Amino acid sequence: MRKIVYGVLALTVLMSCKTKEVKKEVSNEVAVEVNSISEKWITLFDGSNYDSWKGYLQDGVYDEWSIDGDAMLFTPGEKGGKNIITKQKFTSFELAIDWKISEGGNSGIFWSVFEDEKFSEAYHTGPEIQVLDNERHPDAKANPKFHQAGALYDLVQPTSDVCNPAGEWNKVLLKVDHNKNEGSVTLNGTIIVEFPVHGAGWDALVANSKFKGWEGFGKYRTGHIGLQDHSDKVWYRNIKIKELN
């Protein structure tokens, strides 16, 4: 009887050790997978600081930009032009960002911003994804809707209005891929805009917009990500980017 008891105990201990080993292996696999994901995505804002950002044409971040909970908050001041840009430059990428606009508000997300004193504003070079209160702002009422939320501003209008109301969060995924010459905007899970990002197709879009003849607009494949001061209160959070090879 004693031998049987000892045998059962030994088997139990052995099975326990094997279970721990399996759990450890699974845990390690999950850790590797999480690390792999984190290596692909670069966090540009996690709710704690502006370390990845600077003011356009200045070293620090403008005072109008603060932190509200886990979000960036822009509160307009007396003077405009307080756009911010990433310190790092990007060429082909996927940018994930959440935004929330105030009632009647307007803002924008830029890419390929070329920072130079001869361009006084980030929008002089950087194309813009519109951030807007579609219910109240007059830009959303024009038809076609080239200035509606999610539009490639003045270039490509969204196929549908899937924007949440002012005061609610919206999720954007902006894809700019110069390798495949493809760009797209996904708003709240729906692809609403697609466009070429260079070449004859891109040039034709610019030629049919307000930006026709602008010296630097859309000319730079590599540049900064930017967020716009449009004299309205706006929030941004969960900002991350993945570079495409």
C-alpha atoms as a PDB file:
ATOM      1  CA  MET A   1       0.000   0.000   0.000  1.00  0.00           C
ATOM      2  CA  ARG A   2       2.798   2.429   0.941  1.00  0.00           C
ATOM      3  CA  LYS A   3       4.540   1.794  -2.385  1.00  0.00           C
ATOM      4  CA  ILE A   4       1.315   2.560  -4.262  1.00  0.00           C
ATOM      5  CA  VAL A   5       0.862   5.820  -2.357  1.00  0.00           C
ATOM      6  CA  TYR A   6       4.437   6.870  -3.075  1.00  0.00           C
ATOM      7  CA  GLY A   7       3.922   5.992  -6.727  1.00  0.00           C
ATOM      8  CA  VAL A   8       0.782   8.130  -6.970  1.00  0.00           C
ATOM      9  CA  LEU A   9       2.552  11.035  -5.277  1.00  0.00           C
ATOM     10  CA  ALA A  10       5.498  10.797  -7.651  1.00  0.00           C
ATOM     11  CA  LEU A  11       3.184  10.719 -10.672  1.00  0.00           C
ATOM     12  CA  THR A  12       1.279  13.756  -9.350  1.00  0.00           C
ATOM     13  CA  VAL A  13       4.500  15.719  -8.856  1.00  0.00           C
ATOM     14  CA  LEU A  14       5.696  14.750 -12.344  1.00  0.00           C
ATOM     15  CA  MET A  15       2.410  15.825 -13.964  1.00  0.00           C
ATOM     16  CA  SER A  16       2.511  19.123 -12.031  1.00  0.00           C
ATOM     17  CA  CYS A  17       6.024  19.851 -13.285  1.00  0.00           C
ATOM     18  CA  LYS A  18       5.005  19.031 -16.869  1.00  0.00           C
ATOM     19  CA  THR A  19       1.980  21.335 -16.578  1.00  0.00           C
ATOM     20  CA  LYS A  20       4.194  24.161 -15.324  1.00  0.00           C
ATOM     21  CA  GLU A  21       6.583  23.559 -18.213  1.00  0.00           C
ATOM     22  CA  VAL A  22       3.734  23.714 -20.752  1.00  0.00           C
ATOM     23  CA  LYS A  23       2.375  26.892 -19.160  1.00  0.00           C
ATOM     24  CA  LYS A  24       5.850  28.384 -19.236  1.00  0.00           C
ATOM     25  CA  GLU A  25       6.229  27.487 -22.926  1.00  0.00           C
ATOM     26  CA  VAL A  26       2.828  28.995 -23.761  1.00  0.00           C
ATOM     27  CA  SER A  27       3.666  32.070 -21.706  1.00  0.00           C
ATOM     28  CA  ASN A  28       6.946  32.455 -23.561  1.00  0.00           C
ATOM     29  CA  GLU A  29       5.175  32.070 -26.924  1.00  0.00           C
ATOM     30  CA  VAL A  30       2.681  34.783 -25.982  1.00  0.00           C
ATOM     31  CA  ALA A  31       5.503  37.021 -24.776  1.00  0.00           C
ATOM     32  CA  VAL A  32       7.355  36.559 -28.066  1.00  0.00           C
ATOM     33  CA  GLU A  33       4.185  37.371 -30.021  1.00  0.00           C
ATOM     34  CA  VAL A  34       3.511  40.515 -27.951  1.00  0.00           C
ATOM     35  CA  ASN A  35       7.114  41.641 -28.275  1.00  0.00           C
ATOM     36  CA  SER A  36       6.929  41.096 -32.031  1.00  0.00           C
ATOM     37  CA  ILE A  37       3.855  43.321 -32.238  1.00  0.00           C
ATOM     38  CA  SER A  38       5.376  46.000 -30.049  1.00  0.00           C
ATOM     39  CA  GLU A  39       8.504  46.025 -32.206  1.00  0.00           C
ATOM     40  CA  LYS A  40       6.447  46.775 -35.330  1.00  0.00           C
ATOM     41  CA  TRP A  41       4.455  49.660 -33.844  1.00  0.00           C
ATOM     42  CA  ILE A  42       6.113  52.829 -32.557  1.00  0.00           C
ATOM     43  CA  THR A  43       4.186  54.673 -29.845  1.00  0.00           C
ATOM     44  CA  LEU A  44       4.007  58.386 -30.632  1.00  0.00           C
ATOM     45  CA  PHE A  45       1.769  59.309 -27.702  1.00  0.00           C
ATOM     46  CA  ASP A  46       0.768  57.145 -24.732  1.00  0.00           C
ATOM     47  CA  GLY A  47      -1.002  59.778 -22.650  1.00  0.00           C
ATOM     48  CA  SER A  48       1.954  60.728 -20.466  1.00  0.00           C
ATOM     49  CA  ASN A  49       4.207  63.135 -22.412  1.00  0.00           C
ATOM     50  CA  TYR A  50       5.019  64.907 -25.678  1.00  0.00           C
ATOM     51  CA  ASP A  51       8.520  63.460 -25.999  1.00  0.00           C
ATOM     52  CA  SER A  52       7.942  62.430 -29.635  1.00  0.00           C
ATOM     53  CA  TRP A  53       6.565  65.838 -30.647  1.00  0.00           C
ATOM     54  CA  LYS A  54       7.620  69.438 -31.217  1.00  0.00           C
ATOM     55  CA  GLY A  55       6.035  72.633 -32.407  1.00  0.00           C
ATOM     56  CA  TYR A  56       6.187  73.294 -36.122  1.00  0.00           C
ATOM     57  CA  LEU A  57       9.141  75.693 -36.599  1.00  0.00           C
ATOM     58  CA  GLN A  58      10.076  75.564 -32.919  1.00  0.00           C
ATOM     59  CA  ASP A  59      11.957  73.167 -30.632  1.00  0.00           C
ATOM     60  CA  GLY A  60       9.374  72.711 -27.886  1.00  0.00           C
ATOM     61  CA  VAL A  61       5.640  72.005 -27.882  1.00  0.00           C
ATOM     62  CA  TYR A  62       3.386  75.075 -27.868  1.00  0.00           C
ATOM     63  CA  ASP A  63       1.657  75.885 -24.564  1.00  0.00           C
ATOM     64  CA  GLU A  64      -1.745  75.416 -26.183  1.00  0.00           C
ATOM     65  CA  TRP A  65      -1.126  71.657 -26.200  1.00  0.00           C
ATOM     66  CA  SER A  66      -1.642  69.916 -22.842  1.00  0.00           C
ATOM     67  CA  ILE A  67      -2.541  66.475 -21.471  1.00  0.00           C
ATOM     68  CA  ASP A  68      -6.127  65.720 -20.464  1.00  0.00           C
ATOM     69  CA  GLY A  69      -6.364  62.256 -18.903  1.00  0.00           C
ATOM     70  CA  ASP A  70      -4.855  59.925 -21.502  1.00  0.00           C
ATOM     71  CA  ALA A  71      -5.250  62.360 -24.382  1.00  0.00           C
ATOM     72  CA  MET A  72      -3.570  65.331 -26.009  1.00  0.00           C
ATOM     73  CA  LEU A  73      -5.722  68.415 -25.690  1.00  0.00           C
ATOM     74  CA  PHE A  74      -5.398  71.473 -27.900  1.00  0.00           C
ATOM     75  CA  THR A  75      -6.969  74.622 -26.475  1.00  0.00           C
ATOM     76  CA  PRO A  76      -6.825  77.560 -28.919  1.00  0.00           C
ATOM     77  CA  GLY A  77      -5.053  80.735 -27.859  1.00  0.00           C
ATOM     78  CA  GLU A  78      -5.093  84.274 -29.200  1.00  0.00           C
ATOM     79  CA  LYS A  79      -2.737  83.465 -32.078  1.00  0.00           C
ATOM     80  CA  GLY A  80      -3.103  80.544 -34.476  1.00  0.00           C
ATOM     81  CA  GLY A  81      -0.548  78.442 -36.280  1.00  0.00           C
ATOM     82  CA  LYS A  82       0.364  76.332 -33.230  1.00  0.00           C
ATOM     83  CA  ASN A  83       0.611  73.070 -35.142  1.00  0.00           C
ATOM     84  CA  ILE A  84       2.737  70.241 -33.760  1.00  0.00           C
ATOM     85  CA  ILE A  85       4.745  67.625 -35.651  1.00  0.00           C
ATOM     86  CA  THR A  86       6.606  64.442 -34.825  1.00  0.00           C
ATOM     87  CA  LYS A  87      10.330  64.742 -34.266  1.00  0.00           C
ATOM     88  CA  GLN A  88      10.819  61.677 -36.439  1.00  0.00           C
ATOM     89  CA  LYS A  89      10.159  61.531 -40.183  1.00  0.00           C
ATOM     90  CA  PHE A  90       8.330  58.734 -41.997  1.00  0.00           C
ATOM     91  CA  THR A  91       7.857  57.607 -45.610  1.00  0.00           C
ATOM     92  CA  SER A  92       5.624  54.534 -45.900  1.00  0.00           C
ATOM     93  CA  PHE A  93       3.561  53.716 -42.818  1.00  0.00           C
ATOM     94  CA  GLU A  94       0.298  52.929 -41.105  1.00  0.00           C
ATOM     95  CA  LEU A  95      -0.764  55.541 -38.554  1.00  0.00           C
ATOM     96  CA  ALA A  96      -3.363  54.707 -35.894  1.00  0.00           C
ATOM     97  CA  ILE A  97      -4.900  57.607 -33.992  1.00  0.00           C
ATOM     98  CA  ASP A  98      -8.078  58.424 -32.065  1.00  0.00           C
ATOM     99  CA  TRP A  99      -9.583  61.907 -32.261  1.00  0.00           C
ATOM    100  CA  LYS A 100     -12.436  63.793 -30.614  1.00  0.00           C
ATOM    101  CA  ILE A 101     -13.592  67.220 -31.771  1.00  0.00           C
ATOM    102  CA  SER A 102     -15.479  69.974 -29.937  1.00  0.00           C
ATOM    103  CA  GLU A 103     -18.900  71.143 -31.147  1.00  0.00           C
ATOM    104  CA  GLY A 104     -18.538  72.966 -34.455  1.00  0.00           C
ATOM    105  CA  GLY A 105     -14.825  72.185 -34.411  1.00  0.00           C
ATOM    106  CA  ASN A 106     -12.234  71.647 -37.128  1.00  0.00           C
ATOM    107  CA  SER A 107      -8.723  70.168 -37.086  1.00  0.00           C
ATOM    108  CA  GLY A 108      -6.587  67.845 -39.187  1.00  0.00           C
ATOM    109  CA  ILE A 109      -3.940  65.134 -39.361  1.00  0.00           C
ATOM    110  CA  PHE A 110      -1.008  65.824 -41.700  1.00  0.00           C
ATOM    111  CA  TRP A 111       1.704  63.610 -43.139  1.00  0.00           C
ATOM    112  CA  SER A 112       4.868  64.231 -45.173  1.00  0.00           C
ATOM    113  CA  VAL A 113       5.249  67.668 -43.607  1.00  0.00           C
ATOM    114  CA  PHE A 114       8.463  69.366 -44.747  1.00  0.00           C
ATOM    115  CA  GLU A 115       9.603  71.740 -42.028  1.00  0.00           C
ATOM    116  CA  ASP A 116      11.191  74.860 -43.484  1.00  0.00           C
ATOM    117  CA  GLU A 117      10.848  78.549 -42.672  1.00  0.00           C
ATOM    118  CA  LYS A 118       9.728  79.300 -46.228  1.00  0.00           C
ATOM    119  CA  PHE A 119       6.580  77.289 -45.409  1.00  0.00           C
ATOM    120  CA  SER A 120       4.898  79.111 -42.526  1.00  0.00           C
ATOM    121  CA  GLU A 121       2.262  76.398 -41.961  1.00  0.00           C
ATOM    122  CA  ALA A 122       2.416  72.606 -41.913  1.00  0.00           C
ATOM    123  CA  TYR A 123      -0.430  72.387 -44.444  1.00  0.00           C
ATOM    124  CA  HIS A 124       1.680  74.172 -47.057  1.00  0.00           C
ATOM    125  CA  THR A 125       3.464  70.855 -47.668  1.00  0.00           C
ATOM    126  CA  GLY A 126       1.577  68.146 -45.779  1.00  0.00           C
ATOM    127  CA  PRO A 127      -1.649  66.589 -47.126  1.00  0.00           C
ATOM    128  CA  GLU A 128      -4.415  66.453 -44.526  1.00  0.00           C
ATOM    129  CA  ILE A 129      -6.991  63.991 -43.270  1.00  0.00           C
ATOM    130  CA  GLN A 130      -9.907  66.114 -42.125  1.00  0.00           C
ATOM    131  CA  VAL A 131     -11.040  66.154 -38.476  1.00  0.00           C
ATOM    132  CA  LEU A 132     -14.456  67.783 -38.224  1.00  0.00           C
ATOM    133  CA  ASP A 133     -17.821  68.034 -36.497  1.00  0.00           C
ATOM    134  CA  ASN A 134     -19.904  66.843 -39.445  1.00  0.00           C
ATOM    135  CA  GLU A 135     -23.175  67.835 -37.809  1.00  0.00           C
ATOM    136  CA  ARG A 136     -22.390  71.503 -37.194  1.00  0.00           C
ATOM    137  CA  HIS A 137     -19.403  72.670 -39.226  1.00  0.00           C
ATOM    138  CA  PRO A 138     -20.297  74.203 -42.635  1.00  0.00           C
ATOM    139  CA  ASP A 139     -17.404  72.390 -44.338  1.00  0.00           C
ATOM    140  CA  ALA A 140     -19.344  69.130 -44.003  1.00  0.00           C
ATOM    141  CA  LYS A 141     -22.434  70.528 -45.748  1.00  0.00           C
ATOM    142  CA  ALA A 142     -20.819  71.223 -49.113  1.00  0.00           C
ATOM    143  CA  ASN A 143     -21.461  68.746 -51.885  1.00  0.00           C
ATOM    144  CA  PRO A 144     -19.277  66.991 -52.959  1.00  0.00           C
ATOM    145  CA  LYS A 145     -17.952  66.398 -49.448  1.00  0.00           C
ATOM    146  CA  PHE A 146     -14.233  66.992 -49.964  1.00  0.00           C
ATOM    147  CA  HIS A 147     -13.992  68.709 -46.546  1.00  0.00           C
ATOM    148  CA  GLN A 148     -15.987  66.180 -44.517  1.00  0.00           C
ATOM    149  CA  ALA A 149     -14.418  64.261 -41.615  1.00  0.00           C
ATOM    150  CA  GLY A 150     -12.091  61.557 -42.922  1.00  0.00           C
ATOM    151  CA  ALA A 151     -11.662  63.156 -46.335  1.00  0.00           C
ATOM    152  CA  LEU A 152      -8.273  63.604 -47.913  1.00  0.00           C
ATOM    153  CA  TYR A 153      -8.842  67.329 -47.609  1.00  0.00           C
ATOM    154  CA  ASP A 154      -9.897  68.956 -50.891  1.00  0.00           C
ATOM    155  CA  LEU A 155      -8.570  65.966 -52.842  1.00  0.00           C
ATOM    156  CA  VAL A 156     -10.715  62.860 -52.212  1.00  0.00           C
ATOM    157  CA  GLN A 157     -14.130  62.791 -50.572  1.00  0.00           C
ATOM    158  CA  PRO A 158     -15.220  59.928 -48.283  1.00  0.00           C
ATOM    159  CA  THR A 159     -17.525  57.280 -49.711  1.00  0.00           C
ATOM    160  CA  SER A 160     -19.685  57.381 -46.571  1.00  0.00           C
ATOM    161  CA  ASP A 161     -20.162  59.359 -43.362  1.00  0.00           C
ATOM    162  CA  VAL A 162     -19.259  57.030 -40.492  1.00  0.00           C
ATOM    163  CA  CYS A 163     -18.082  59.800 -38.174  1.00  0.00           C
ATOM    164  CA  ASN A 164     -19.192  59.809 -34.537  1.00  0.00           C
ATOM    165  CA  PRO A 165     -20.705  63.060 -33.193  1.00  0.00           C
ATOM    166  CA  ALA A 166     -18.716  65.874 -31.575  1.00  0.00           C
ATOM    167  CA  GLY A 167     -17.577  64.897 -28.105  1.00  0.00           C
ATOM    168  CA  GLU A 168     -17.207  61.213 -29.030  1.00  0.00           C
ATOM    169  CA  TRP A 169     -14.054  59.366 -30.054  1.00  0.00           C
ATOM    170  CA  ASN A 170     -13.286  58.373 -33.637  1.00  0.00           C
ATOM    171  CA  LYS A 171     -10.649  55.836 -34.677  1.00  0.00           C
ATOM    172  CA  VAL A 172      -8.555  56.483 -37.776  1.00  0.00           C
ATOM    173  CA  LEU A 173      -6.086  54.259 -39.574  1.00  0.00           C
ATOM    174  CA  LEU A 174      -4.151  56.158 -42.244  1.00  0.00           C
ATOM    175  CA  LYS A 175      -2.101  54.077 -44.670  1.00  0.00           C
ATOM    176  CA  VAL A 176       0.518  55.661 -46.915  1.00  0.00           C
ATOM    177  CA  ASP A 177       2.503  53.118 -48.917  1.00  0.00           C
ATOM    178  CA  HIS A 178       4.893  54.522 -51.517  1.00  0.00           C
ATOM    179  CA  ASN A 179       6.117  51.007 -52.337  1.00  0.00           C
ATOM    180  CA  LYS A 180       2.677  50.064 -53.700  1.00  0.00           C
ATOM    181  CA  ASN A 181       1.557  53.633 -54.467  1.00  0.00           C
ATOM    182  CA  GLU A 182      -1.499  53.138 -52.272  1.00  0.00           C
ATOM    183  CA  GLY A 183      -3.106  55.301 -49.626  1.00  0.00           C
ATOM    184  CA  SER A 184      -6.281  54.817 -47.625  1.00  0.00           C
ATOM    185  CA  VAL A 185      -8.259  56.135 -44.674  1.00  0.00           C
ATOM    186  CA  THR A 186     -10.194  53.782 -42.426  1.00  0.00           C
ATOM    187  CA  LEU A 187     -12.591  55.588 -40.071  1.00  0.00           C
ATOM    188  CA  ASN A 188     -14.259  53.634 -37.265  1.00  0.00           C
ATOM    189  CA  GLY A 189     -13.562  50.346 -39.051  1.00  0.00           C
ATOM    190  CA  THR A 190     -14.739  51.371 -42.536  1.00  0.00           C
ATOM    191  CA  ILE A 191     -12.458  52.220 -45.461  1.00  0.00           C
ATOM    192  CA  ILE A 192     -13.855  55.547 -46.716  1.00  0.00           C
ATOM    193  CA  VAL A 193     -11.023  56.993 -48.828  1.00  0.00           C
ATOM    194  CA  GLU A 194      -8.474  55.441 -51.208  1.00  0.00           C
ATOM    195  CA  PHE A 195      -5.903  57.292 -53.310  1.00  0.00           C
ATOM    196  CA  PRO A 196      -2.496  57.089 -55.044  1.00  0.00           C
ATOM    197  CA  VAL A 197       0.330  58.682 -53.049  1.00  0.00           C
ATOM    198  CA  HIS A 198       2.651  59.746 -55.877  1.00  0.00           C
ATOM    199  CA  GLY A 199       2.999  59.856 -59.648  1.00  0.00           C
ATOM    200  CA  ALA A 200       0.505  60.932 -62.292  1.00  0.00           C
ATOM    201  CA  GLY A 201      -2.532  59.921 -60.247  1.00  0.00           C
ATOM    202  CA  TRP A 202      -1.459  62.010 -57.282  1.00  0.00           C
ATOM    203  CA  ASP A 203      -0.492  64.957 -59.493  1.00  0.00           C
ATOM    204  CA  ALA A 204      -3.949  64.886 -61.093  1.00  0.00           C
ATOM    205  CA  LEU A 205      -5.640  65.059 -57.673  1.00  0.00           C
ATOM    206  CA  VAL A 206      -3.542  68.075 -56.689  1.00  0.00           C
ATOM    207  CA  ALA A 207      -4.128  69.788 -60.058  1.00  0.00           C
ATOM    208  CA  ASN A 208      -7.903  69.600 -59.461  1.00  0.00           C
ATOM    209  CA  SER A 209      -7.741  71.028 -55.933  1.00  0.00           C
ATOM    210  CA  LYS A 210      -7.096  74.330 -54.154  1.00  0.00           C
ATOM    211  CA  PHE A 211      -3.464  73.254 -53.841  1.00  0.00           C
ATOM    212  CA  LYS A 212      -2.758  73.552 -57.556  1.00  0.00           C
ATOM    213  CA  GLY A 213       0.434  75.554 -58.050  1.00  0.00           C
ATOM    214  CA  TRP A 214       1.504  75.406 -54.392  1.00  0.00           C
ATOM    215  CA  GLU A 215       5.279  75.107 -54.374  1.00  0.00           C
ATOM    216  CA  GLY A 216       5.761  72.325 -51.843  1.00  0.00           C
ATOM    217  CA  PHE A 217       2.379  70.708 -51.381  1.00  0.00           C
ATOM    218  CA  GLY A 218       2.513  66.908 -51.545  1.00  0.00           C
ATOM    219  CA  LYS A 219       6.004  66.996 -53.036  1.00  0.00           C
ATOM    220  CA  TYR A 220       7.884  65.238 -50.221  1.00  0.00           C
ATOM    221  CA  ARG A 221       7.568  61.481 -49.790  1.00  0.00           C
ATOM    222  CA  THR A 222       9.373  61.608 -46.447  1.00  0.00           C
ATOM    223  CA  GLY A 223       8.259  63.981 -43.719  1.00  0.00           C
ATOM    224  CA  HIS A 224       6.725  64.580 -40.311  1.00  0.00           C
ATOM    225  CA  ILE A 225       3.291  63.609 -39.028  1.00  0.00           C
ATOM    226  CA  GLY A 226       1.434  66.757 -37.917  1.00  0.00           C
ATOM    227  CA  LEU A 227      -1.633  67.791 -35.906  1.00  0.00           C
ATOM    228  CA  GLN A 228      -3.428  71.009 -36.721  1.00  0.00           C
ATOM    229  CA  ASP A 229      -4.322  74.150 -34.810  1.00  0.00           C
ATOM    230  CA  HIS A 230      -7.528  75.258 -36.517  1.00  0.00           C
ATOM    231  CA  SER A 231      -8.586  77.499 -33.612  1.00  0.00           C
ATOM    232  CA  ASP A 232     -10.926  74.850 -32.183  1.00  0.00           C
ATOM    233  CA  LYS A 233     -10.642  72.525 -29.204  1.00  0.00           C
ATOM    234  CA  VAL A 234      -9.604  68.976 -30.148  1.00  0.00           C
ATOM    235  CA  TRP A 235      -8.300  65.820 -28.455  1.00  0.00           C
ATOM    236  CA  TYR A 236      -5.985  63.063 -29.763  1.00  0.00           C
ATOM    237  CA  ARG A 237      -4.934  59.805 -28.094  1.00  0.00           C
ATOM    238  CA  ASN A 238      -3.565  56.281 -28.699  1.00  0.00           C
ATOM    239  CA  ILE A 239      -1.183  57.489 -31.401  1.00  0.00           C
ATOM    240  CA  LYS A 240       1.105  54.826 -32.878  1.00  0.00           C
ATOM    241  CA  ILE A 241       2.773  54.194 -36.221  1.00  0.00           C
ATOM    242  CA  LYS A 242       4.111  51.185 -38.101  1.00  0.00           C
ATOM    243  CA  GLU A 243       6.674  51.692 -40.848  1.00  0.00           C
ATOM    244  CA  LEU A 244       6.167  49.699 -44.042  1.00  0.00           C
ATOM    245  CA  ASN A 245       9.113  48.195 -45.872  1.00  0.00           C
END
